[in-house]
PDB file of all heavy atoms in Angstrom:
ATOM      1  N   VAL A   1     148.843  22.653  92.600  1.00  0.00           N
ATOM      2  CA  VAL A   1     149.421  22.815  93.936  1.00  0.00           C
ATOM      3  C   VAL A   1     148.613  22.054  94.984  1.00  0.00           C
ATOM      4  O   VAL A   1     147.385  22.050  94.957  1.00  0.00           O
ATOM      5  CB  VAL A   1     149.442  24.308  94.360  1.00  0.00           C
ATOM      6  CG1 VAL A   1     150.205  24.475  95.679  1.00  0.00           C
ATOM      7  CG2 VAL A   1     150.066  25.157  93.282  1.00  0.00           C
ATOM      8  N   LEU A   2     149.324  21.411  95.903  1.00  0.00           N
ATOM      9  CA  LEU A   2     148.696  20.769  97.058  1.00  0.00           C
ATOM     10  C   LEU A   2     149.324  21.355  98.315  1.00  0.00           C
ATOM     11  O   LEU A   2     150.481  21.764  98.304  1.00  0.00           O
ATOM     12  CB  LEU A   2     148.979  19.264  97.038  1.00  0.00           C
ATOM     13  CG  LEU A   2     148.241  18.457  95.974  1.00  0.00           C
ATOM     14  CD1 LEU A   2     148.926  17.121  95.797  1.00  0.00           C
ATOM     15  CD2 LEU A   2     146.782  18.258  96.354  1.00  0.00           C
ATOM     16  N   TYR A   3     148.547  21.392  99.389  1.00  0.00           N
ATOM     17  CA  TYR A   3     149.068  21.853 100.673  1.00  0.00           C
ATOM     18  C   TYR A   3     148.852  20.738 101.676  1.00  0.00           C
ATOM     19  O   TYR A   3     147.902  19.968 101.537  1.00  0.00           O
ATOM     20  CB  TYR A   3     148.284  23.082 101.162  1.00  0.00           C
ATOM     21  CG  TYR A   3     148.280  24.231 100.188  1.00  0.00           C
ATOM     22  CD1 TYR A   3     147.320  24.302  99.183  1.00  0.00           C
ATOM     23  CD2 TYR A   3     149.236  25.240 100.282  1.00  0.00           C
ATOM     24  CE1 TYR A   3     147.315  25.358  98.283  1.00  0.00           C
ATOM     25  CE2 TYR A   3     149.236  26.304  99.388  1.00  0.00           C
ATOM     26  CZ  TYR A   3     148.271  26.358  98.393  1.00  0.00           C
ATOM     27  OH  TYR A   3     148.274  27.393  97.512  1.00  0.00           O
ATOM     28  N   GLY A   4     149.704  20.680 102.692  1.00  0.00           N
ATOM     29  CA  GLY A   4     149.420  19.666 103.703  1.00  0.00           C
ATOM     30  C   GLY A   4     150.562  19.437 104.652  1.00  0.00           C
ATOM     31  O   GLY A   4     151.510  20.217 104.729  1.00  0.00           O
ATOM     32  N   SER A   5     150.459  18.331 105.375  1.00  0.00           N
ATOM     33  CA  SER A   5     151.473  17.969 106.340  1.00  0.00           C
ATOM     34  C   SER A   5     151.666  16.460 106.273  1.00  0.00           C
ATOM     35  O   SER A   5     150.768  15.700 106.637  1.00  0.00           O
ATOM     36  CB  SER A   5     151.018  18.372 107.745  1.00  0.00           C
ATOM     37  OG  SER A   5     151.714  17.620 108.705  1.00  0.00           O
ATOM     38  N   ALA A   6     152.832  16.055 105.793  1.00  0.00           N
ATOM     39  CA  ALA A   6     153.104  14.615 105.694  1.00  0.00           C
ATOM     40  C   ALA A   6     153.130  14.010 107.092  1.00  0.00           C
ATOM     41  O   ALA A   6     152.755  12.861 107.302  1.00  0.00           O
ATOM     42  CB  ALA A   6     154.431  14.380 104.985  1.00  0.00           C
ATOM     43  N   LYS A   7     153.565  14.822 108.063  1.00  0.00           N
ATOM     44  CA  LYS A   7     153.658  14.335 109.426  1.00  0.00           C
ATOM     45  C   LYS A   7     152.265  14.021 109.965  1.00  0.00           C
ATOM     46  O   LYS A   7     152.034  13.020 110.635  1.00  0.00           O
ATOM     47  CB  LYS A   7     154.316  15.411 110.283  1.00  0.00           C
ATOM     48  CG  LYS A   7     155.013  14.887 111.498  1.00  0.00           C
ATOM     49  CD  LYS A   7     155.835  16.025 112.066  1.00  0.00           C
ATOM     50  CE  LYS A   7     156.419  15.697 113.413  1.00  0.00           C
ATOM     51  NZ  LYS A   7     157.115  16.902 113.912  1.00  0.00           N
ATOM     52  N   GLN A   8     151.294  14.909 109.666  1.00  0.00           N
ATOM     53  CA  GLN A   8     149.916  14.676 110.104  1.00  0.00           C
ATOM     54  C   GLN A   8     149.136  13.844 109.081  1.00  0.00           C
ATOM     55  O   GLN A   8     147.940  13.631 109.225  1.00  0.00           O
ATOM     56  CB  GLN A   8     149.210  16.022 110.317  1.00  0.00           C
ATOM     57  CG  GLN A   8     149.832  16.833 111.439  1.00  0.00           C
ATOM     58  CD  GLN A   8     149.156  18.183 111.617  1.00  0.00           C
ATOM     59  OE1 GLN A   8     148.316  18.595 110.813  1.00  0.00           O
ATOM     60  NE2 GLN A   8     149.523  18.889 112.669  1.00  0.00           N
ATOM     61  N   GLU A   9     149.854  13.427 108.022  1.00  0.00           N
ATOM     62  CA  GLU A   9     149.305  12.485 107.041  1.00  0.00           C
ATOM     63  C   GLU A   9     148.128  13.009 106.230  1.00  0.00           C
ATOM     64  O   GLU A   9     147.188  12.274 105.952  1.00  0.00           O
ATOM     65  CB  GLU A   9     148.951  11.148 107.725  1.00  0.00           C
ATOM     66  CG  GLU A   9     150.135  10.586 108.514  1.00  0.00           C
ATOM     67  CD  GLU A   9     149.983   9.124 108.909  1.00  0.00           C
ATOM     68  OE1 GLU A   9     148.883   8.578 108.778  1.00  0.00           O
ATOM     69  OE2 GLU A   9     150.985   8.531 109.347  1.00  0.00           O
ATOM     70  N   TRP A  10     148.177  14.281 105.814  1.00  0.00           N
ATOM     71  CA  TRP A  10     147.126  14.753 104.893  1.00  0.00           C
ATOM     72  C   TRP A  10     147.692  15.713 103.850  1.00  0.00           C
ATOM     73  O   TRP A  10     148.704  16.351 104.055  1.00  0.00           O
ATOM     74  CB  TRP A  10     145.979  15.442 105.652  1.00  0.00           C
ATOM     75  CG  TRP A  10     146.385  16.725 106.338  1.00  0.00           C
ATOM     76  CD1 TRP A  10     146.951  16.846 107.579  1.00  0.00           C
ATOM     77  CD2 TRP A  10     146.284  18.060 105.817  1.00  0.00           C
ATOM     78  NE1 TRP A  10     147.209  18.168 107.860  1.00  0.00           N
ATOM     79  CE2 TRP A  10     146.803  18.942 106.804  1.00  0.00           C
ATOM     80  CE3 TRP A  10     145.789  18.603 104.626  1.00  0.00           C
ATOM     81  CZ2 TRP A  10     146.855  20.331 106.623  1.00  0.00           C
ATOM     82  CZ3 TRP A  10     145.844  19.987 104.447  1.00  0.00           C
ATOM     83  CH2 TRP A  10     146.371  20.838 105.439  1.00  0.00           C
ATOM     84  N   MET A  11     147.012  15.764 102.723  1.00  0.00           N
ATOM     85  CA  MET A  11     147.304  16.747 101.670  1.00  0.00           C
ATOM     86  C   MET A  11     145.950  17.174 101.112  1.00  0.00           C
ATOM     87  O   MET A  11     145.012  16.375 101.084  1.00  0.00           O
ATOM     88  CB  MET A  11     148.116  16.119 100.531  1.00  0.00           C
ATOM     89  CG  MET A  11     149.595  15.983 100.807  1.00  0.00           C
ATOM     90  SD  MET A  11     150.490  17.499 100.400  1.00  0.00           S
ATOM     91  CE  MET A  11     152.015  17.275 101.304  1.00  0.00           C
ATOM     92  N   ALA A  12     145.837  18.422 100.663  1.00  0.00           N
ATOM     93  CA  ALA A  12     144.589  18.899 100.086  1.00  0.00           C
ATOM     94  C   ALA A  12     144.876  20.001  99.086  1.00  0.00           C
ATOM     95  O   ALA A  12     145.976  20.560  99.073  1.00  0.00           O
ATOM     96  CB  ALA A  12     143.657  19.417 101.190  1.00  0.00           C
ATOM     97  N   THR A  13     143.890  20.333  98.251  1.00  0.00           N
ATOM     98  CA  THR A  13     144.115  21.389  97.260  1.00  0.00           C
ATOM     99  C   THR A  13     143.965  22.765  97.905  1.00  0.00           C
ATOM    100  O   THR A  13     144.254  23.777  97.294  1.00  0.00           O
ATOM    101  CB  THR A  13     143.136  21.252  96.076  1.00  0.00           C
ATOM    102  OG1 THR A  13     141.832  21.044  96.617  1.00  0.00           O
ATOM    103  CG2 THR A  13     143.511  20.080  95.191  1.00  0.00           C
ATOM    104  N   ASP A  14     143.473  22.800  99.148  1.00  0.00           N
ATOM    105  CA  ASP A  14     143.297  24.060  99.850  1.00  0.00           C
ATOM    106  C   ASP A  14     144.086  24.012 101.156  1.00  0.00           C
ATOM    107  O   ASP A  14     144.069  22.987 101.838  1.00  0.00           O
ATOM    108  CB  ASP A  14     141.802  24.249 100.139  1.00  0.00           C
ATOM    109  CG  ASP A  14     141.519  25.623 100.719  1.00  0.00           C
ATOM    110  OD1 ASP A  14     141.705  25.785 101.947  1.00  0.00           O
ATOM    111  OD2 ASP A  14     141.124  26.516  99.953  1.00  0.00           O
ATOM    112  N   PRO A  15     144.754  25.117 101.534  1.00  0.00           N
ATOM    113  CA  PRO A  15     145.554  25.080 102.766  1.00  0.00           C
ATOM    114  C   PRO A  15     144.719  24.746 104.003  1.00  0.00           C
ATOM    115  O   PRO A  15     145.227  24.216 104.982  1.00  0.00           O
ATOM    116  CB  PRO A  15     146.128  26.495 102.893  1.00  0.00           C
ATOM    117  CG  PRO A  15     145.878  27.177 101.591  1.00  0.00           C
ATOM    118  CD  PRO A  15     144.869  26.405 100.831  1.00  0.00           C
ATOM    119  N   GLU A  16     143.409  25.029 103.950  1.00  0.00           N
ATOM    120  CA  GLU A  16     142.544  24.777 105.107  1.00  0.00           C
ATOM    121  C   GLU A  16     142.120  23.311 105.218  1.00  0.00           C
ATOM    122  O   GLU A  16     141.475  22.910 106.159  1.00  0.00           O
ATOM    123  CB  GLU A  16     141.285  25.657 105.034  1.00  0.00           C
ATOM    124  CG  GLU A  16     141.579  27.155 105.096  1.00  0.00           C
ATOM    125  CD  GLU A  16     142.413  27.527 106.320  1.00  0.00           C
ATOM    126  OE1 GLU A  16     142.021  27.139 107.437  1.00  0.00           O
ATOM    127  OE2 GLU A  16     143.460  28.194 106.151  1.00  0.00           O
ATOM    128  N   GLY A  17     142.417  22.526 104.204  1.00  0.00           N
ATOM    129  CA  GLY A  17     141.997  21.121 104.279  1.00  0.00           C
ATOM    130  C   GLY A  17     140.934  20.834 103.248  1.00  0.00           C
ATOM    131  O   GLY A  17     140.799  21.597 102.320  1.00  0.00           O
ATOM    132  N   PRO A  18     140.199  19.756 103.347  1.00  0.00           N
ATOM    133  CA  PRO A  18     140.038  18.800 104.450  1.00  0.00           C
ATOM    134  C   PRO A  18     141.341  18.082 104.827  1.00  0.00           C
ATOM    135  O   PRO A  18     142.098  17.708 103.946  1.00  0.00           O
ATOM    136  CB  PRO A  18     139.028  17.796 103.901  1.00  0.00           C
ATOM    137  CG  PRO A  18     139.111  17.908 102.425  1.00  0.00           C
ATOM    138  CD  PRO A  18     139.455  19.327 102.143  1.00  0.00           C
ATOM    139  N   LYS A  19     141.539  17.899 106.127  1.00  0.00           N
ATOM    140  CA  LYS A  19     142.785  17.303 106.617  1.00  0.00           C
ATOM    141  C   LYS A  19     142.612  15.815 106.879  1.00  0.00           C
ATOM    142  O   LYS A  19     142.885  15.336 107.965  1.00  0.00           O
ATOM    143  CB  LYS A  19     143.233  18.032 107.894  1.00  0.00           C
ATOM    144  CG  LYS A  19     143.366  19.534 107.678  1.00  0.00           C
ATOM    145  CD  LYS A  19     143.911  20.256 108.897  1.00  0.00           C
ATOM    146  CE  LYS A  19     144.080  21.742 108.561  1.00  0.00           C
ATOM    147  NZ  LYS A  19     144.659  22.514 109.652  1.00  0.00           N
ATOM    148  N   ASP A  20     142.100  15.099 105.861  1.00  0.00           N
ATOM    149  CA  ASP A  20     141.727  13.696 106.077  1.00  0.00           C
ATOM    150  C   ASP A  20     142.849  12.712 105.796  1.00  0.00           C
ATOM    151  O   ASP A  20     143.184  11.885 106.615  1.00  0.00           O
ATOM    152  CB  ASP A  20     140.531  13.330 105.198  1.00  0.00           C
ATOM    153  CG  ASP A  20     139.331  14.197 105.511  1.00  0.00           C
ATOM    154  OD1 ASP A  20     139.274  14.690 106.648  1.00  0.00           O
ATOM    155  OD2 ASP A  20     138.484  14.384 104.622  1.00  0.00           O
ATOM    156  N   ASN A  21     143.406  12.788 104.587  1.00  0.00           N
ATOM    157  CA  ASN A  21     144.346  11.750 104.175  1.00  0.00           C
ATOM    158  C   ASN A  21     145.122  12.214 102.947  1.00  0.00           C
ATOM    159  O   ASN A  21     145.069  13.381 102.579  1.00  0.00           O
ATOM    160  CB  ASN A  21     143.596  10.444 103.870  1.00  0.00           C
ATOM    161  CG  ASN A  21     142.423  10.715 102.927  1.00  0.00           C
ATOM    162  OD1 ASN A  21     142.488  11.596 102.076  1.00  0.00           O
ATOM    163  ND2 ASN A  21     141.352   9.957 103.088  1.00  0.00           N
ATOM    164  N   MET A  22     145.816  11.266 102.325  1.00  0.00           N
ATOM    165  CA  MET A  22     146.652  11.585 101.173  1.00  0.00           C
ATOM    166  C   MET A  22     145.926  11.384  99.838  1.00  0.00           C
ATOM    167  O   MET A  22     146.538  11.505  98.789  1.00  0.00           O
ATOM    168  CB  MET A  22     147.898  10.680 101.188  1.00  0.00           C
ATOM    169  CG  MET A  22     148.906  11.074 102.224  1.00  0.00           C
ATOM    170  SD  MET A  22     149.758  12.571 101.686  1.00  0.00           S
ATOM    171  CE  MET A  22     150.792  12.882 103.095  1.00  0.00           C
ATOM    172  N   ASP A  23     144.628  11.051  99.897  1.00  0.00           N
ATOM    173  CA  ASP A  23     143.904  10.778  98.644  1.00  0.00           C
ATOM    174  C   ASP A  23     144.089  11.859  97.584  1.00  0.00           C
ATOM    175  O   ASP A  23     144.298  11.544  96.411  1.00  0.00           O
ATOM    176  CB  ASP A  23     142.400  10.570  98.912  1.00  0.00           C
ATOM    177  CG  ASP A  23     142.156   9.302  99.727  1.00  0.00           C
ATOM    178  OD1 ASP A  23     143.151   8.729 100.213  1.00  0.00           O
ATOM    179  OD2 ASP A  23     140.992   8.891  99.872  1.00  0.00           O
ATOM    180  N   PRO A  24     143.996  13.159  97.954  1.00  0.00           N
ATOM    181  CA  PRO A  24     144.138  14.177  96.914  1.00  0.00           C
ATOM    182  C   PRO A  24     145.466  14.078  96.165  1.00  0.00           C
ATOM    183  O   PRO A  24     145.529  14.345  94.966  1.00  0.00           O
ATOM    184  CB  PRO A  24     144.043  15.503  97.689  1.00  0.00           C
ATOM    185  CG  PRO A  24     143.254  15.165  98.914  1.00  0.00           C
ATOM    186  CD  PRO A  24     143.636  13.765  99.267  1.00  0.00           C
ATOM    187  N   LEU A  25     146.520  13.668  96.874  1.00  0.00           N
ATOM    188  CA  LEU A  25     147.817  13.526  96.213  1.00  0.00           C
ATOM    189  C   LEU A  25     147.797  12.337  95.244  1.00  0.00           C
ATOM    190  O   LEU A  25     148.203  12.450  94.094  1.00  0.00           O
ATOM    191  CB  LEU A  25     148.927  13.344  97.255  1.00  0.00           C
ATOM    192  CG  LEU A  25     150.328  13.119  96.687  1.00  0.00           C
ATOM    193  CD1 LEU A  25     150.811  14.329  95.925  1.00  0.00           C
ATOM    194  CD2 LEU A  25     151.331  12.809  97.796  1.00  0.00           C
ATOM    195  N   PHE A  26     147.294  11.200  95.714  1.00  0.00           N
ATOM    196  CA  PHE A  26     147.192  10.025  94.825  1.00  0.00           C
ATOM    197  C   PHE A  26     146.365  10.368  93.591  1.00  0.00           C
ATOM    198  O   PHE A  26     146.737  10.062  92.459  1.00  0.00           O
ATOM    199  CB  PHE A  26     146.516   8.856  95.558  1.00  0.00           C
ATOM    200  CG  PHE A  26     147.406   8.142  96.550  1.00  0.00           C
ATOM    201  CD1 PHE A  26     147.095   8.122  97.910  1.00  0.00           C
ATOM    202  CD2 PHE A  26     148.533   7.455  96.128  1.00  0.00           C
ATOM    203  CE1 PHE A  26     147.894   7.443  98.821  1.00  0.00           C
ATOM    204  CE2 PHE A  26     149.335   6.760  97.037  1.00  0.00           C
ATOM    205  CZ  PHE A  26     149.018   6.763  98.386  1.00  0.00           C
ATOM    206  N   ASP A  27     145.206  11.014  93.829  1.00  0.00           N
ATOM    207  CA  ASP A  27     144.312  11.327  92.705  1.00  0.00           C
ATOM    208  C   ASP A  27     144.986  12.274  91.715  1.00  0.00           C
ATOM    209  O   ASP A  27     144.837  12.129  90.511  1.00  0.00           O
ATOM    210  CB  ASP A  27     143.000  11.937  93.218  1.00  0.00           C
ATOM    211  CG  ASP A  27     142.200  10.927  94.044  1.00  0.00           C
ATOM    212  OD1 ASP A  27     142.441   9.702  93.863  1.00  0.00           O
ATOM    213  OD2 ASP A  27     141.365  11.338  94.873  1.00  0.00           O
ATOM    214  N   MET A  28     145.728  13.223  92.246  1.00  0.00           N
ATOM    215  CA  MET A  28     146.391  14.183  91.357  1.00  0.00           C
ATOM    216  C   MET A  28     147.466  13.502  90.512  1.00  0.00           C
ATOM    217  O   MET A  28     147.645  13.816  89.347  1.00  0.00           O
ATOM    218  CB  MET A  28     146.970  15.346  92.152  1.00  0.00           C
ATOM    219  CG  MET A  28     147.408  16.464  91.233  1.00  0.00           C
ATOM    220  SD  MET A  28     147.821  17.968  92.094  1.00  0.00           S
ATOM    221  CE  MET A  28     146.255  18.655  92.509  1.00  0.00           C
ATOM    222  N   VAL A  29     148.189  12.555  91.115  1.00  0.00           N
ATOM    223  CA  VAL A  29     149.207  11.831  90.347  1.00  0.00           C
ATOM    224  C   VAL A  29     148.547  11.080  89.191  1.00  0.00           C
ATOM    225  O   VAL A  29     148.999  11.136  88.045  1.00  0.00           O
ATOM    226  CB  VAL A  29     150.012  10.868  91.253  1.00  0.00           C
ATOM    227  CG1 VAL A  29     150.844   9.895  90.426  1.00  0.00           C
ATOM    228  CG2 VAL A  29     150.900  11.661  92.200  1.00  0.00           C
ATOM    229  N   LEU A  30     147.421  10.403  89.479  1.00  0.00           N
ATOM    230  CA  LEU A  30     146.746   9.641  88.425  1.00  0.00           C
ATOM    231  C   LEU A  30     146.219  10.573  87.338  1.00  0.00           C
ATOM    232  O   LEU A  30     146.230  10.249  86.151  1.00  0.00           O
ATOM    233  CB  LEU A  30     145.583   8.819  88.985  1.00  0.00           C
ATOM    234  CG  LEU A  30     145.930   7.747  90.021  1.00  0.00           C
ATOM    235  CD1 LEU A  30     144.787   6.760  90.181  1.00  0.00           C
ATOM    236  CD2 LEU A  30     147.192   6.984  89.659  1.00  0.00           C
ATOM    237  N   ASP A  31     145.768  11.754  87.761  1.00  0.00           N
ATOM    238  CA  ASP A  31     145.152  12.684  86.837  1.00  0.00           C
ATOM    239  C   ASP A  31     146.182  13.440  85.999  1.00  0.00           C
ATOM    240  O   ASP A  31     146.020  13.621  84.797  1.00  0.00           O
ATOM    241  CB  ASP A  31     144.300  13.661  87.676  1.00  0.00           C
ATOM    242  CG  ASP A  31     143.576  14.644  86.786  1.00  0.00           C
ATOM    243  OD1 ASP A  31     143.164  14.229  85.681  1.00  0.00           O
ATOM    244  OD2 ASP A  31     143.432  15.820  87.177  1.00  0.00           O
ATOM    245  N   LYS A  32     147.267  13.894  86.644  1.00  0.00           N
ATOM    246  CA  LYS A  32     148.184  14.816  85.966  1.00  0.00           C
ATOM    247  C   LYS A  32     149.406  14.152  85.334  1.00  0.00           C
ATOM    248  O   LYS A  32     150.081  14.759  84.522  1.00  0.00           O
ATOM    249  CB  LYS A  32     148.703  15.863  86.968  1.00  0.00           C
ATOM    250  CG  LYS A  32     147.628  16.733  87.590  1.00  0.00           C
ATOM    251  CD  LYS A  32     147.086  17.721  86.598  1.00  0.00           C
ATOM    252  CE  LYS A  32     146.073  18.663  87.255  1.00  0.00           C
ATOM    253  NZ  LYS A  32     145.325  19.419  86.245  1.00  0.00           N
ATOM    254  N   VAL A  33     149.739  12.940  85.779  1.00  0.00           N
ATOM    255  CA  VAL A  33     150.952  12.307  85.249  1.00  0.00           C
ATOM    256  C   VAL A  33     150.554  11.284  84.198  1.00  0.00           C
ATOM    257  O   VAL A  33     149.665  10.466  84.427  1.00  0.00           O
ATOM    258  CB  VAL A  33     151.755  11.625  86.385  1.00  0.00           C
ATOM    259  CG1 VAL A  33     152.989  10.921  85.835  1.00  0.00           C
ATOM    260  CG2 VAL A  33     152.145  12.655  87.437  1.00  0.00           C
ATOM    261  N   ALA A  34     151.181  11.357  83.044  1.00  0.00           N
ATOM    262  CA  ALA A  34     150.843  10.420  81.961  1.00  0.00           C
ATOM    263  C   ALA A  34     151.383   9.034  82.287  1.00  0.00           C
ATOM    264  O   ALA A  34     152.420   8.903  82.928  1.00  0.00           O
ATOM    265  CB  ALA A  34     151.464  10.919  80.663  1.00  0.00           C
ATOM    266  N   PRO A  35     150.666   7.997  81.840  1.00  0.00           N
ATOM    267  CA  PRO A  35     151.240   6.643  81.984  1.00  0.00           C
ATOM    268  C   PRO A  35     152.510   6.551  81.137  1.00  0.00           C
ATOM    269  O   PRO A  35     152.632   7.289  80.154  1.00  0.00           O
ATOM    270  CB  PRO A  35     150.151   5.715  81.437  1.00  0.00           C
ATOM    271  CG  PRO A  35     149.113   6.574  80.838  1.00  0.00           C
ATOM    272  CD  PRO A  35     149.363   7.999  81.194  1.00  0.00           C
ATOM    273  N   PRO A  36     153.449   5.679  81.504  1.00  0.00           N
ATOM    274  CA  PRO A  36     154.694   5.605  80.726  1.00  0.00           C
ATOM    275  C   PRO A  36     154.419   5.173  79.292  1.00  0.00           C
ATOM    276  O   PRO A  36     153.627   4.252  79.063  1.00  0.00           O
ATOM    277  CB  PRO A  36     155.527   4.561  81.466  1.00  0.00           C
ATOM    278  CG  PRO A  36     154.593   3.849  82.365  1.00  0.00           C
ATOM    279  CD  PRO A  36     153.447   4.748  82.636  1.00  0.00           C
TER     280      PRO A  36
END
């Protein structure tokens, strides 16, 4: 699960943040989704 605000341009594994950027989402995709 990720929490965040696309409008404010951040996602994080915790609802409190860090409210920096979308890196956690990118990293999770690389980590959890298998290559084709």
